[in-house]
Amino acid sequence: MAERGPRRATTPLQRQLAGAAAARPTALDAFRHARRTFLAGDRVDMQALARVLGVDRATLYRWVGSRDKLLAEILWSLIDRTIRGLRKAHDGTGAPAAGGQSPAAAIITAAVRAVIANTGMQAFLDREGDLALRLLTTRASGFESRLTALIGELLAAEAAAGRLRPAVPMDDLPYVLVRIMESCICLPLITGELPDAGRAARVISALLPPGAPPPPGSLAGAGAA
């Protein structure tokens, strides 16, 4: 029987992932350029973005849906990458984090601090606060529901590993924690006060106390799923 060769890339995305140079800009190029603009603290302007990519605005809007949808995807990509990176840093530690926090509390608190320290995020809140609140805290963009699901995934994994002993029912926790995160990050828009990650950390730690460390050599202690 003849040996099969490597699978042929048939779509533009597969060809790009395989390393082939794209002859024309793509939706992914638009997203990446817009994210760099956002992280630099600059306003994501659709006309300027289309001009940089060398496409018309109709093509750009067909790619990304709308400016709001593009911004929501940028925001989601940043928080998703941050939380997943923090999970890897704390995975399998088998013991409370610094200050007696559970790993789950440490991860969520560190995510809040990272958002507060992000230049692009703070520029966005300062410049377009009403839009930021709508994208972050309502169902208009889907951001909040995705973050709630991601936090729920984190809590379930930590509880199953024995590193978390929730103070309230697990079903109630993800949404409550997301609201705490949002309130802390958006505090200047809500009350006029400066963002306060320390306040959030105290509440989050109270809701997510650490469980008993797993015995040495156990599967949980080794970081297995």
N, C-alpha and C. Protein backbone atom coordinates (compact mmCIF):
# COMPACT_ATOMS: atom_id res chain seq x y z
N MET A 1 0.85 -1.20 0.00
CA MET A 1 0.00 0.00 0.00
C MET A 1 0.89 1.25 0.00
N ALA A 2 0.56 2.16 -0.88
CA ALA A 2 1.39 3.37 -0.98
C ALA A 2 1.26 4.22 0.25
N GLU A 3 2.36 4.78 0.66
CA GLU A 3 2.35 5.64 1.85
C GLU A 3 1.76 6.99 1.50
N ARG A 4 0.87 7.45 2.34
CA ARG A 4 0.23 8.73 2.10
C ARG A 4 1.19 9.88 2.39
N GLY A 5 1.14 10.92 1.58
CA GLY A 5 1.96 12.09 1.81
C GLY A 5 1.29 13.03 2.79
N PRO A 6 1.91 14.16 3.09
CA PRO A 6 1.32 15.13 4.01
C PRO A 6 0.01 15.67 3.47
N ARG A 7 -0.90 15.98 4.39
CA ARG A 7 -2.19 16.50 3.99
C ARG A 7 -2.02 17.86 3.31
N ARG A 8 -2.72 18.03 2.21
CA ARG A 8 -2.61 19.26 1.44
C ARG A 8 -3.47 20.35 2.06
N ALA A 9 -2.91 21.55 2.22
CA ALA A 9 -3.68 22.68 2.74
C ALA A 9 -4.61 23.18 1.64
N THR A 10 -5.89 23.25 1.96
CA THR A 10 -6.87 23.59 0.93
C THR A 10 -7.53 24.94 1.12
N THR A 11 -7.50 25.50 2.31
CA THR A 11 -8.13 26.79 2.55
C THR A 11 -7.07 27.85 2.78
N PRO A 12 -7.42 29.13 2.62
CA PRO A 12 -6.44 30.20 2.90
C PRO A 12 -5.88 30.12 4.31
N LEU A 13 -6.76 29.82 5.30
CA LEU A 13 -6.27 29.74 6.68
C LEU A 13 -5.28 28.59 6.83
N GLN A 14 -5.60 27.41 6.24
CA GLN A 14 -4.68 26.28 6.35
C GLN A 14 -3.35 26.60 5.68
N ARG A 15 -3.41 27.30 4.57
CA ARG A 15 -2.15 27.66 3.89
C ARG A 15 -1.32 28.63 4.72
N GLN A 16 -2.02 29.58 5.38
CA GLN A 16 -1.29 30.51 6.25
C GLN A 16 -0.68 29.78 7.44
N LEU A 17 -1.46 28.88 8.04
CA LEU A 17 -0.95 28.13 9.19
C LEU A 17 0.22 27.23 8.79
N ALA A 18 0.21 26.79 7.54
CA ALA A 18 1.30 25.95 7.04
C ALA A 18 2.54 26.74 6.68
N GLY A 19 2.42 28.08 6.74
CA GLY A 19 3.58 28.91 6.50
C GLY A 19 3.63 29.57 5.15
N ALA A 20 2.61 29.33 4.32
CA ALA A 20 2.60 29.97 3.01
C ALA A 20 2.25 31.44 3.16
N ALA A 21 2.93 32.28 2.41
CA ALA A 21 2.67 33.72 2.50
C ALA A 21 1.33 34.04 1.85
N ALA A 22 0.55 34.88 2.52
CA ALA A 22 -0.73 35.29 1.97
C ALA A 22 -0.51 36.35 0.91
N ALA A 23 -1.14 36.17 -0.24
CA ALA A 23 -0.98 37.14 -1.32
C ALA A 23 -1.69 38.44 -0.98
N ARG A 24 -2.75 38.37 -0.20
CA ARG A 24 -3.53 39.54 0.15
C ARG A 24 -3.77 39.53 1.65
N PRO A 25 -4.06 40.70 2.24
CA PRO A 25 -4.36 40.73 3.68
C PRO A 25 -5.64 39.96 3.98
N THR A 26 -5.75 39.50 5.20
CA THR A 26 -6.89 38.70 5.62
C THR A 26 -7.54 39.29 6.86
N ALA A 27 -8.64 38.68 7.29
CA ALA A 27 -9.31 39.11 8.51
C ALA A 27 -8.38 38.99 9.71
N LEU A 28 -7.54 37.95 9.70
CA LEU A 28 -6.59 37.78 10.80
C LEU A 28 -5.57 38.90 10.83
N ASP A 29 -5.14 39.37 9.67
CA ASP A 29 -4.23 40.52 9.62
C ASP A 29 -4.90 41.75 10.22
N ALA A 30 -6.17 41.94 9.90
CA ALA A 30 -6.91 43.08 10.43
C ALA A 30 -6.97 43.02 11.95
N PHE A 31 -7.27 41.83 12.47
CA PHE A 31 -7.35 41.64 13.92
C PHE A 31 -6.00 41.92 14.59
N ARG A 32 -4.95 41.37 14.04
CA ARG A 32 -3.63 41.54 14.66
C ARG A 32 -3.18 42.99 14.65
N HIS A 33 -3.43 43.68 13.54
CA HIS A 33 -3.03 45.09 13.47
C HIS A 33 -3.86 45.92 14.45
N ALA A 34 -5.16 45.63 14.52
CA ALA A 34 -6.02 46.37 15.44
C ALA A 34 -5.61 46.12 16.89
N ARG A 35 -5.23 44.90 17.19
CA ARG A 35 -4.81 44.60 18.56
C ARG A 35 -3.52 45.33 18.92
N ARG A 36 -2.58 45.40 17.99
CA ARG A 36 -1.35 46.16 18.25
C ARG A 36 -1.67 47.63 18.48
N THR A 37 -2.59 48.16 17.71
CA THR A 37 -3.00 49.55 17.88
C THR A 37 -3.61 49.76 19.25
N PHE A 38 -4.49 48.85 19.66
CA PHE A 38 -5.14 48.92 20.96
C PHE A 38 -4.11 48.87 22.09
N LEU A 39 -3.19 47.93 22.02
CA LEU A 39 -2.19 47.75 23.08
C LEU A 39 -1.26 48.95 23.19
N ALA A 40 -1.08 49.66 22.09
CA ALA A 40 -0.24 50.87 22.11
C ALA A 40 -0.96 52.05 22.76
N GLY A 41 -2.24 51.86 23.07
CA GLY A 41 -3.02 52.94 23.69
C GLY A 41 -3.69 53.85 22.69
N ASP A 42 -3.67 53.48 21.42
CA ASP A 42 -4.28 54.31 20.38
C ASP A 42 -5.69 53.83 20.06
N ARG A 43 -6.48 54.73 19.49
CA ARG A 43 -7.85 54.39 19.12
C ARG A 43 -7.86 53.50 17.88
N VAL A 44 -8.65 52.46 17.91
CA VAL A 44 -8.82 51.60 16.74
C VAL A 44 -9.81 52.29 15.81
N ASP A 45 -9.29 52.80 14.70
CA ASP A 45 -10.10 53.53 13.73
C ASP A 45 -10.26 52.66 12.48
N MET A 46 -11.49 52.39 12.10
CA MET A 46 -11.75 51.47 11.01
C MET A 46 -11.25 52.00 9.67
N GLN A 47 -11.39 53.29 9.44
CA GLN A 47 -10.92 53.86 8.16
C GLN A 47 -9.40 53.76 8.07
N ALA A 48 -8.73 54.09 9.16
CA ALA A 48 -7.26 54.00 9.16
C ALA A 48 -6.81 52.54 9.02
N LEU A 49 -7.52 51.63 9.66
CA LEU A 49 -7.17 50.21 9.57
C LEU A 49 -7.33 49.70 8.14
N ALA A 50 -8.42 50.08 7.49
CA ALA A 50 -8.63 49.66 6.10
C ALA A 50 -7.53 50.21 5.20
N ARG A 51 -7.13 51.44 5.46
CA ARG A 51 -6.08 52.07 4.64
C ARG A 51 -4.75 51.34 4.82
N VAL A 52 -4.41 51.00 6.04
CA VAL A 52 -3.15 50.29 6.30
C VAL A 52 -3.15 48.93 5.60
N LEU A 53 -4.28 48.25 5.61
CA LEU A 53 -4.38 46.92 5.02
C LEU A 53 -4.52 46.97 3.50
N GLY A 54 -4.86 48.15 2.98
CA GLY A 54 -5.03 48.27 1.54
C GLY A 54 -6.32 47.68 1.04
N VAL A 55 -7.37 47.72 1.88
CA VAL A 55 -8.69 47.22 1.48
C VAL A 55 -9.71 48.33 1.70
N ASP A 56 -10.90 48.17 1.10
CA ASP A 56 -11.94 49.17 1.34
C ASP A 56 -12.67 48.85 2.65
N ARG A 57 -13.42 49.83 3.14
CA ARG A 57 -14.10 49.67 4.42
C ARG A 57 -15.15 48.57 4.37
N ALA A 58 -15.79 48.41 3.22
CA ALA A 58 -16.80 47.36 3.10
C ALA A 58 -16.18 45.99 3.33
N THR A 59 -14.99 45.78 2.78
CA THR A 59 -14.29 44.50 2.99
C THR A 59 -13.93 44.31 4.44
N LEU A 60 -13.41 45.36 5.07
CA LEU A 60 -13.03 45.27 6.48
C LEU A 60 -14.24 44.94 7.35
N TYR A 61 -15.35 45.62 7.12
CA TYR A 61 -16.54 45.35 7.92
C TYR A 61 -17.08 43.95 7.65
N ARG A 62 -16.94 43.48 6.43
CA ARG A 62 -17.37 42.10 6.14
C ARG A 62 -16.51 41.10 6.91
N TRP A 63 -15.23 41.42 7.07
CA TRP A 63 -14.33 40.54 7.81
C TRP A 63 -14.65 40.49 9.29
N VAL A 64 -14.85 41.65 9.92
CA VAL A 64 -14.91 41.71 11.38
C VAL A 64 -16.31 41.96 11.93
N GLY A 65 -17.27 42.28 11.08
CA GLY A 65 -18.64 42.50 11.52
C GLY A 65 -18.94 43.95 11.83
N SER A 66 -18.20 44.52 12.76
CA SER A 66 -18.35 45.92 13.16
C SER A 66 -17.17 46.29 14.04
N ARG A 67 -17.02 47.57 14.30
CA ARG A 67 -15.94 48.01 15.19
C ARG A 67 -16.14 47.44 16.59
N ASP A 68 -17.39 47.43 17.07
CA ASP A 68 -17.67 46.89 18.41
C ASP A 68 -17.27 45.42 18.49
N LYS A 69 -17.61 44.65 17.46
CA LYS A 69 -17.27 43.23 17.47
C LYS A 69 -15.76 43.02 17.42
N LEU A 70 -15.07 43.85 16.66
CA LEU A 70 -13.62 43.75 16.59
C LEU A 70 -13.00 44.06 17.96
N LEU A 71 -13.47 45.12 18.60
CA LEU A 71 -12.95 45.46 19.93
C LEU A 71 -13.24 44.37 20.94
N ALA A 72 -14.44 43.78 20.86
CA ALA A 72 -14.79 42.70 21.78
C ALA A 72 -13.85 41.51 21.62
N GLU A 73 -13.49 41.20 20.37
CA GLU A 73 -12.56 40.10 20.14
C GLU A 73 -11.17 40.42 20.65
N ILE A 74 -10.76 41.68 20.53
CA ILE A 74 -9.46 42.09 21.07
C ILE A 74 -9.46 41.94 22.58
N LEU A 75 -10.50 42.46 23.23
CA LEU A 75 -10.60 42.35 24.68
C LEU A 75 -10.61 40.90 25.14
N TRP A 76 -11.36 40.08 24.43
CA TRP A 76 -11.43 38.67 24.81
C TRP A 76 -10.08 37.98 24.63
N SER A 77 -9.39 38.25 23.52
CA SER A 77 -8.10 37.60 23.29
C SER A 77 -7.10 37.93 24.40
N LEU A 78 -7.16 39.14 24.91
CA LEU A 78 -6.22 39.56 25.94
C LEU A 78 -6.51 38.90 27.28
N ILE A 79 -7.78 38.89 27.71
CA ILE A 79 -8.10 38.30 29.02
C ILE A 79 -7.98 36.78 28.96
N ASP A 80 -8.35 36.17 27.85
CA ASP A 80 -8.25 34.72 27.71
C ASP A 80 -6.79 34.28 27.79
N ARG A 81 -5.92 34.96 27.06
CA ARG A 81 -4.50 34.63 27.10
C ARG A 81 -3.91 34.85 28.49
N THR A 82 -4.33 35.93 29.15
CA THR A 82 -3.82 36.24 30.49
C THR A 82 -4.20 35.16 31.48
N ILE A 83 -5.47 34.79 31.51
CA ILE A 83 -5.94 33.81 32.50
C ILE A 83 -5.34 32.44 32.21
N ARG A 84 -5.28 32.06 30.96
CA ARG A 84 -4.71 30.74 30.64
C ARG A 84 -3.21 30.70 30.96
N GLY A 85 -2.52 31.80 30.76
CA GLY A 85 -1.11 31.85 31.14
C GLY A 85 -0.92 31.75 32.64
N LEU A 86 -1.79 32.43 33.39
CA LEU A 86 -1.71 32.36 34.86
C LEU A 86 -2.05 30.97 35.37
N ARG A 87 -2.98 30.31 34.70
CA ARG A 87 -3.31 28.94 35.10
C ARG A 87 -2.11 28.02 34.96
N LYS A 88 -1.36 28.17 33.87
CA LYS A 88 -0.17 27.35 33.68
C LYS A 88 0.86 27.62 34.77
N ALA A 89 0.98 28.88 35.17
CA ALA A 89 1.96 29.25 36.20
C ALA A 89 1.61 28.64 37.56
N HIS A 90 0.30 28.49 37.82
CA HIS A 90 -0.14 27.97 39.12
C HIS A 90 -0.52 26.50 39.08
N ASP A 91 -0.51 25.88 37.92
CA ASP A 91 -1.02 24.52 37.79
C ASP A 91 -0.16 23.53 38.56
N GLY A 92 -0.83 22.69 39.33
CA GLY A 92 -0.13 21.60 40.01
C GLY A 92 0.71 22.03 41.18
N THR A 93 0.53 23.24 41.70
CA THR A 93 1.33 23.66 42.85
C THR A 93 0.95 22.88 44.09
N GLY A 94 -0.35 22.53 44.21
CA GLY A 94 -0.80 21.71 45.33
C GLY A 94 -0.80 22.42 46.66
N ALA A 95 -0.62 23.73 46.68
CA ALA A 95 -0.59 24.46 47.94
C ALA A 95 -1.13 25.87 47.72
N PRO A 96 -1.56 26.53 48.80
CA PRO A 96 -2.03 27.91 48.65
C PRO A 96 -0.96 28.81 48.07
N ALA A 97 -1.39 29.83 47.36
CA ALA A 97 -0.45 30.80 46.80
C ALA A 97 0.00 31.75 47.90
N ALA A 98 0.76 32.78 47.51
CA ALA A 98 1.27 33.75 48.47
C ALA A 98 0.12 34.37 49.25
N GLY A 99 0.35 34.59 50.54
CA GLY A 99 -0.67 35.22 51.37
C GLY A 99 -1.81 34.29 51.74
N GLY A 100 -1.64 32.99 51.52
CA GLY A 100 -2.69 32.05 51.88
C GLY A 100 -3.82 31.96 50.88
N GLN A 101 -3.70 32.62 49.73
CA GLN A 101 -4.73 32.52 48.70
C GLN A 101 -4.75 31.13 48.08
N SER A 102 -5.92 30.70 47.69
CA SER A 102 -5.99 29.51 46.84
C SER A 102 -5.41 29.87 45.48
N PRO A 103 -4.93 28.88 44.72
CA PRO A 103 -4.46 29.19 43.37
C PRO A 103 -5.53 29.88 42.53
N ALA A 104 -6.79 29.48 42.68
CA ALA A 104 -7.86 30.11 41.90
C ALA A 104 -7.97 31.60 42.23
N ALA A 105 -7.92 31.93 43.53
CA ALA A 105 -7.99 33.33 43.93
C ALA A 105 -6.78 34.10 43.42
N ALA A 106 -5.61 33.47 43.48
CA ALA A 106 -4.39 34.13 43.00
C ALA A 106 -4.46 34.40 41.51
N ILE A 107 -4.99 33.46 40.75
CA ILE A 107 -5.09 33.62 39.30
C ILE A 107 -6.03 34.77 38.95
N ILE A 108 -7.20 34.80 39.57
CA ILE A 108 -8.18 35.82 39.24
C ILE A 108 -7.70 37.20 39.69
N THR A 109 -7.09 37.27 40.87
CA THR A 109 -6.55 38.54 41.34
C THR A 109 -5.44 39.05 40.43
N ALA A 110 -4.55 38.14 40.01
CA ALA A 110 -3.46 38.53 39.11
C ALA A 110 -4.01 39.00 37.76
N ALA A 111 -5.10 38.40 37.30
CA ALA A 111 -5.72 38.83 36.05
C ALA A 111 -6.25 40.25 36.17
N VAL A 112 -6.87 40.55 37.31
CA VAL A 112 -7.37 41.91 37.55
C VAL A 112 -6.22 42.90 37.55
N ARG A 113 -5.14 42.57 38.22
CA ARG A 113 -3.97 43.46 38.26
C ARG A 113 -3.39 43.67 36.86
N ALA A 114 -3.36 42.61 36.06
CA ALA A 114 -2.81 42.72 34.71
C ALA A 114 -3.65 43.65 33.84
N VAL A 115 -4.97 43.57 33.98
CA VAL A 115 -5.85 44.45 33.20
C VAL A 115 -5.65 45.90 33.63
N ILE A 116 -5.58 46.12 34.93
CA ILE A 116 -5.40 47.48 35.44
C ILE A 116 -4.08 48.08 34.96
N ALA A 117 -3.05 47.23 34.84
CA ALA A 117 -1.73 47.71 34.43
C ALA A 117 -1.57 47.83 32.91
N ASN A 118 -2.56 47.35 32.16
CA ASN A 118 -2.45 47.34 30.70
C ASN A 118 -2.69 48.74 30.14
N THR A 119 -1.70 49.28 29.47
CA THR A 119 -1.78 50.64 28.92
C THR A 119 -2.95 50.79 27.96
N GLY A 120 -3.09 49.84 27.06
CA GLY A 120 -4.16 49.92 26.08
C GLY A 120 -5.54 49.89 26.71
N MET A 121 -5.70 49.03 27.70
CA MET A 121 -6.99 48.91 28.37
C MET A 121 -7.35 50.19 29.10
N GLN A 122 -6.40 50.76 29.81
CA GLN A 122 -6.68 51.99 30.54
C GLN A 122 -6.96 53.16 29.60
N ALA A 123 -6.26 53.22 28.47
CA ALA A 123 -6.53 54.27 27.48
C ALA A 123 -7.94 54.10 26.91
N PHE A 124 -8.34 52.86 26.68
CA PHE A 124 -9.68 52.58 26.16
C PHE A 124 -10.75 53.00 27.17
N LEU A 125 -10.55 52.68 28.45
CA LEU A 125 -11.51 53.08 29.48
C LEU A 125 -11.59 54.59 29.61
N ASP A 126 -10.45 55.26 29.53
CA ASP A 126 -10.43 56.73 29.64
C ASP A 126 -11.10 57.39 28.45
N ARG A 127 -10.87 56.85 27.26
CA ARG A 127 -11.31 57.49 26.03
C ARG A 127 -12.75 57.11 25.65
N GLU A 128 -13.10 55.84 25.88
CA GLU A 128 -14.40 55.34 25.44
C GLU A 128 -15.06 54.53 26.55
N GLY A 129 -15.23 55.17 27.70
CA GLY A 129 -15.73 54.48 28.88
C GLY A 129 -17.10 53.85 28.69
N ASP A 130 -18.02 54.57 28.08
CA ASP A 130 -19.37 54.02 27.90
C ASP A 130 -19.35 52.78 27.02
N LEU A 131 -18.57 52.83 25.95
CA LEU A 131 -18.46 51.68 25.07
C LEU A 131 -17.78 50.52 25.81
N ALA A 132 -16.75 50.81 26.58
CA ALA A 132 -16.06 49.77 27.33
C ALA A 132 -17.01 49.06 28.28
N LEU A 133 -17.82 49.83 29.00
CA LEU A 133 -18.79 49.22 29.92
C LEU A 133 -19.77 48.33 29.18
N ARG A 134 -20.23 48.80 28.03
CA ARG A 134 -21.20 48.01 27.27
C ARG A 134 -20.59 46.71 26.77
N LEU A 135 -19.36 46.77 26.28
CA LEU A 135 -18.72 45.57 25.76
C LEU A 135 -18.33 44.59 26.87
N LEU A 136 -17.94 45.13 28.02
CA LEU A 136 -17.44 44.28 29.10
C LEU A 136 -18.54 43.72 29.99
N THR A 137 -19.63 44.45 30.17
CA THR A 137 -20.57 44.11 31.24
C THR A 137 -21.98 43.79 30.77
N THR A 138 -22.24 43.79 29.48
CA THR A 138 -23.57 43.43 28.99
C THR A 138 -23.46 42.28 28.00
N ARG A 139 -24.59 41.73 27.62
CA ARG A 139 -24.57 40.62 26.67
C ARG A 139 -24.42 41.09 25.23
N ALA A 140 -24.24 42.39 25.03
CA ALA A 140 -24.15 42.94 23.68
C ALA A 140 -23.01 42.32 22.88
N SER A 141 -21.90 41.98 23.55
CA SER A 141 -20.72 41.51 22.83
C SER A 141 -20.42 40.03 23.06
N GLY A 142 -21.00 39.42 24.07
CA GLY A 142 -20.66 38.05 24.40
C GLY A 142 -19.42 37.91 25.24
N PHE A 143 -18.74 39.04 25.52
CA PHE A 143 -17.50 38.98 26.31
C PHE A 143 -17.77 38.42 27.71
N GLU A 144 -18.77 38.97 28.38
CA GLU A 144 -19.03 38.58 29.77
C GLU A 144 -19.40 37.10 29.87
N SER A 145 -20.20 36.59 28.94
CA SER A 145 -20.59 35.19 29.01
C SER A 145 -19.39 34.28 28.79
N ARG A 146 -18.48 34.67 27.91
CA ARG A 146 -17.28 33.86 27.68
C ARG A 146 -16.36 33.89 28.89
N LEU A 147 -16.23 35.06 29.52
CA LEU A 147 -15.39 35.15 30.71
C LEU A 147 -15.99 34.35 31.85
N THR A 148 -17.31 34.39 32.00
CA THR A 148 -17.97 33.61 33.04
C THR A 148 -17.71 32.12 32.84
N ALA A 149 -17.79 31.66 31.59
CA ALA A 149 -17.52 30.25 31.30
C ALA A 149 -16.06 29.89 31.60
N LEU A 150 -15.14 30.78 31.27
CA LEU A 150 -13.72 30.53 31.52
C LEU A 150 -13.43 30.45 33.02
N ILE A 151 -14.03 31.35 33.79
CA ILE A 151 -13.85 31.31 35.25
C ILE A 151 -14.48 30.04 35.82
N GLY A 152 -15.64 29.65 35.29
CA GLY A 152 -16.26 28.41 35.74
C GLY A 152 -15.39 27.20 35.48
N GLU A 153 -14.74 27.19 34.34
CA GLU A 153 -13.81 26.10 33.99
C GLU A 153 -12.64 26.06 34.97
N LEU A 154 -12.10 27.22 35.32
CA LEU A 154 -11.01 27.31 36.28
C LEU A 154 -11.44 26.77 37.65
N LEU A 155 -12.60 27.22 38.14
CA LEU A 155 -13.06 26.80 39.47
C LEU A 155 -13.31 25.31 39.53
N ALA A 156 -13.91 24.76 38.48
CA ALA A 156 -14.20 23.33 38.46
C ALA A 156 -12.91 22.51 38.53
N ALA A 157 -11.90 22.95 37.77
CA ALA A 157 -10.62 22.23 37.77
C ALA A 157 -9.93 22.32 39.13
N GLU A 158 -9.95 23.50 39.74
CA GLU A 158 -9.30 23.67 41.04
C GLU A 158 -10.02 22.90 42.14
N ALA A 159 -11.34 22.89 42.10
CA ALA A 159 -12.10 22.13 43.10
C ALA A 159 -11.85 20.64 42.94
N ALA A 160 -11.84 20.16 41.70
CA ALA A 160 -11.61 18.74 41.44
C ALA A 160 -10.21 18.31 41.90
N ALA A 161 -9.25 19.22 41.83
CA ALA A 161 -7.87 18.91 42.25
C ALA A 161 -7.69 19.04 43.76
N GLY A 162 -8.72 19.49 44.46
CA GLY A 162 -8.62 19.62 45.91
C GLY A 162 -7.93 20.88 46.38
N ARG A 163 -7.70 21.83 45.48
CA ARG A 163 -7.00 23.05 45.85
C ARG A 163 -7.95 24.19 46.19
N LEU A 164 -9.25 23.92 46.11
CA LEU A 164 -10.24 24.97 46.33
C LEU A 164 -11.41 24.41 47.14
N ARG A 165 -11.83 25.18 48.15
CA ARG A 165 -12.99 24.83 48.96
C ARG A 165 -13.94 26.02 48.93
N PRO A 166 -14.81 26.09 47.92
CA PRO A 166 -15.64 27.28 47.72
C PRO A 166 -16.49 27.61 48.95
N ALA A 167 -16.64 28.92 49.20
CA ALA A 167 -17.43 29.36 50.35
C ALA A 167 -18.91 29.48 50.01
N VAL A 168 -19.25 29.48 48.74
CA VAL A 168 -20.64 29.55 48.29
C VAL A 168 -20.83 28.51 47.20
N PRO A 169 -22.08 28.17 46.83
CA PRO A 169 -22.31 27.15 45.80
C PRO A 169 -21.57 27.46 44.51
N MET A 170 -20.99 26.43 43.91
CA MET A 170 -20.18 26.58 42.70
C MET A 170 -20.96 27.20 41.55
N ASP A 171 -22.25 26.88 41.46
CA ASP A 171 -23.05 27.42 40.35
C ASP A 171 -23.16 28.94 40.41
N ASP A 172 -23.05 29.51 41.61
CA ASP A 172 -23.21 30.95 41.77
C ASP A 172 -21.91 31.72 41.58
N LEU A 173 -20.80 31.03 41.72
CA LEU A 173 -19.52 31.72 41.81
C LEU A 173 -19.02 32.40 40.54
N PRO A 174 -19.04 31.75 39.38
CA PRO A 174 -18.40 32.38 38.20
C PRO A 174 -18.95 33.76 37.88
N TYR A 175 -20.26 33.91 37.85
CA TYR A 175 -20.84 35.21 37.51
C TYR A 175 -20.51 36.25 38.58
N VAL A 176 -20.59 35.85 39.86
CA VAL A 176 -20.27 36.77 40.94
C VAL A 176 -18.83 37.26 40.83
N LEU A 177 -17.92 36.35 40.55
CA LEU A 177 -16.51 36.71 40.43
C LEU A 177 -16.26 37.62 39.24
N VAL A 178 -16.92 37.35 38.14
CA VAL A 178 -16.77 38.22 36.96
C VAL A 178 -17.26 39.62 37.28
N ARG A 179 -18.38 39.73 38.00
CA ARG A 179 -18.89 41.04 38.38
C ARG A 179 -17.92 41.79 39.30
N ILE A 180 -17.27 41.06 40.20
CA ILE A 180 -16.27 41.67 41.07
C ILE A 180 -15.10 42.18 40.24
N MET A 181 -14.65 41.37 39.31
CA MET A 181 -13.55 41.78 38.43
C MET A 181 -13.91 43.05 37.65
N GLU A 182 -15.09 43.03 37.05
CA GLU A 182 -15.54 44.17 36.26
C GLU A 182 -15.65 45.43 37.11
N SER A 183 -16.23 45.28 38.30
CA SER A 183 -16.43 46.44 39.17
C SER A 183 -15.11 47.08 39.56
N CYS A 184 -14.12 46.23 39.84
CA CYS A 184 -12.81 46.75 40.23
C CYS A 184 -12.13 47.46 39.06
N ILE A 185 -12.16 46.83 37.90
CA ILE A 185 -11.49 47.38 36.72
C ILE A 185 -12.16 48.68 36.26
N CYS A 186 -13.48 48.72 36.33
CA CYS A 186 -14.24 49.88 35.83
C CYS A 186 -14.60 50.88 36.93
N LEU A 187 -13.95 50.77 38.08
CA LEU A 187 -14.28 51.63 39.21
C LEU A 187 -14.25 53.13 38.87
N PRO A 188 -13.27 53.61 38.09
CA PRO A 188 -13.27 55.04 37.75
C PRO A 188 -14.53 55.48 37.02
N LEU A 189 -15.10 54.59 36.21
CA LEU A 189 -16.31 54.93 35.47
C LEU A 189 -17.56 54.84 36.33
N ILE A 190 -17.52 54.01 37.37
CA ILE A 190 -18.70 53.78 38.20
C ILE A 190 -18.78 54.75 39.37
N THR A 191 -17.67 54.94 40.07
CA THR A 191 -17.66 55.79 41.27
C THR A 191 -16.70 56.96 41.18
N GLY A 192 -15.81 56.95 40.19
CA GLY A 192 -14.79 57.99 40.09
C GLY A 192 -13.53 57.67 40.87
N GLU A 193 -13.51 56.53 41.57
CA GLU A 193 -12.32 56.15 42.34
C GLU A 193 -11.31 55.46 41.42
N LEU A 194 -10.07 55.37 41.90
CA LEU A 194 -9.04 54.65 41.17
C LEU A 194 -9.29 53.15 41.26
N PRO A 195 -8.89 52.39 40.25
CA PRO A 195 -9.01 50.92 40.33
C PRO A 195 -8.30 50.39 41.56
N ASP A 196 -8.88 49.42 42.21
CA ASP A 196 -8.33 48.91 43.47
C ASP A 196 -8.31 47.39 43.43
N ALA A 197 -7.20 46.83 42.96
CA ALA A 197 -7.08 45.38 42.90
C ALA A 197 -7.01 44.76 44.30
N GLY A 198 -6.51 45.52 45.26
CA GLY A 198 -6.42 45.00 46.62
C GLY A 198 -7.79 44.73 47.21
N ARG A 199 -8.73 45.62 46.94
CA ARG A 199 -10.10 45.41 47.43
C ARG A 199 -10.70 44.16 46.80
N ALA A 200 -10.49 44.02 45.49
CA ALA A 200 -10.99 42.83 44.81
C ALA A 200 -10.35 41.57 45.36
N ALA A 201 -9.04 41.63 45.64
CA ALA A 201 -8.33 40.45 46.13
C ALA A 201 -8.90 39.97 47.45
N ARG A 202 -9.26 40.89 48.33
CA ARG A 202 -9.81 40.48 49.63
C ARG A 202 -11.14 39.76 49.48
N VAL A 203 -11.99 40.27 48.61
CA VAL A 203 -13.30 39.63 48.41
C VAL A 203 -13.13 38.29 47.69
N ILE A 204 -12.31 38.27 46.67
CA ILE A 204 -12.09 37.05 45.90
C ILE A 204 -11.49 35.95 46.79
N SER A 205 -10.54 36.32 47.64
CA SER A 205 -9.92 35.35 48.53
C SER A 205 -10.92 34.79 49.53
N ALA A 206 -11.84 35.64 50.01
CA ALA A 206 -12.85 35.17 50.95
C ALA A 206 -13.81 34.18 50.28
N LEU A 207 -14.10 34.40 49.01
CA LEU A 207 -15.02 33.51 48.29
C LEU A 207 -14.34 32.22 47.84
N LEU A 208 -13.00 32.25 47.71
CA LEU A 208 -12.27 31.10 47.17
C LEU A 208 -11.16 30.64 48.12
N PRO A 209 -11.52 30.15 49.31
CA PRO A 209 -10.48 29.69 50.25
C PRO A 209 -9.81 28.43 49.72
N PRO A 210 -8.55 28.23 50.11
CA PRO A 210 -7.84 27.04 49.62
C PRO A 210 -8.36 25.77 50.26
N GLY A 211 -8.29 24.68 49.49
CA GLY A 211 -8.59 23.37 50.04
C GLY A 211 -7.35 22.79 50.68
N ALA A 212 -7.49 21.60 51.25
CA ALA A 212 -6.34 20.94 51.87
C ALA A 212 -5.36 20.53 50.80
N PRO A 213 -4.06 20.76 50.99
CA PRO A 213 -3.08 20.33 49.99
C PRO A 213 -3.14 18.83 49.76
N PRO A 214 -3.06 18.35 48.52
CA PRO A 214 -3.10 16.92 48.25
C PRO A 214 -1.85 16.23 48.80
N PRO A 215 -1.96 14.94 49.14
CA PRO A 215 -0.80 14.22 49.66
C PRO A 215 0.33 14.18 48.64
N PRO A 216 1.58 14.19 49.11
CA PRO A 216 2.72 14.11 48.19
C PRO A 216 2.62 12.87 47.31
N GLY A 217 2.88 13.05 46.03
CA GLY A 217 2.86 11.91 45.12
C GLY A 217 1.49 11.57 44.57
N SER A 218 0.44 12.28 45.04
CA SER A 218 -0.91 11.99 44.53
C SER A 218 -1.05 12.58 43.14
N LEU A 219 -2.09 12.16 42.43
CA LEU A 219 -2.33 12.68 41.08
C LEU A 219 -2.59 14.16 41.10
N ALA A 220 -3.38 14.63 42.10
CA ALA A 220 -3.66 16.06 42.21
C ALA A 220 -2.39 16.83 42.45
N GLY A 221 -1.52 16.29 43.33
CA GLY A 221 -0.28 16.98 43.62
C GLY A 221 0.65 17.05 42.43
N ALA A 222 0.47 16.07 41.49
CA ALA A 222 1.32 16.07 40.31
C ALA A 222 0.77 16.93 39.20
N GLY A 223 -0.42 17.52 39.45
CA GLY A 223 -1.00 18.43 38.47
C GLY A 223 -1.77 17.71 37.39
N ALA A 224 -2.12 16.43 37.62
CA ALA A 224 -2.89 15.72 36.61
C ALA A 224 -4.32 16.18 36.61
N ALA A 225 -4.98 16.02 35.45
CA ALA A 225 -6.37 16.44 35.34
C ALA A 225 -7.26 15.46 36.07
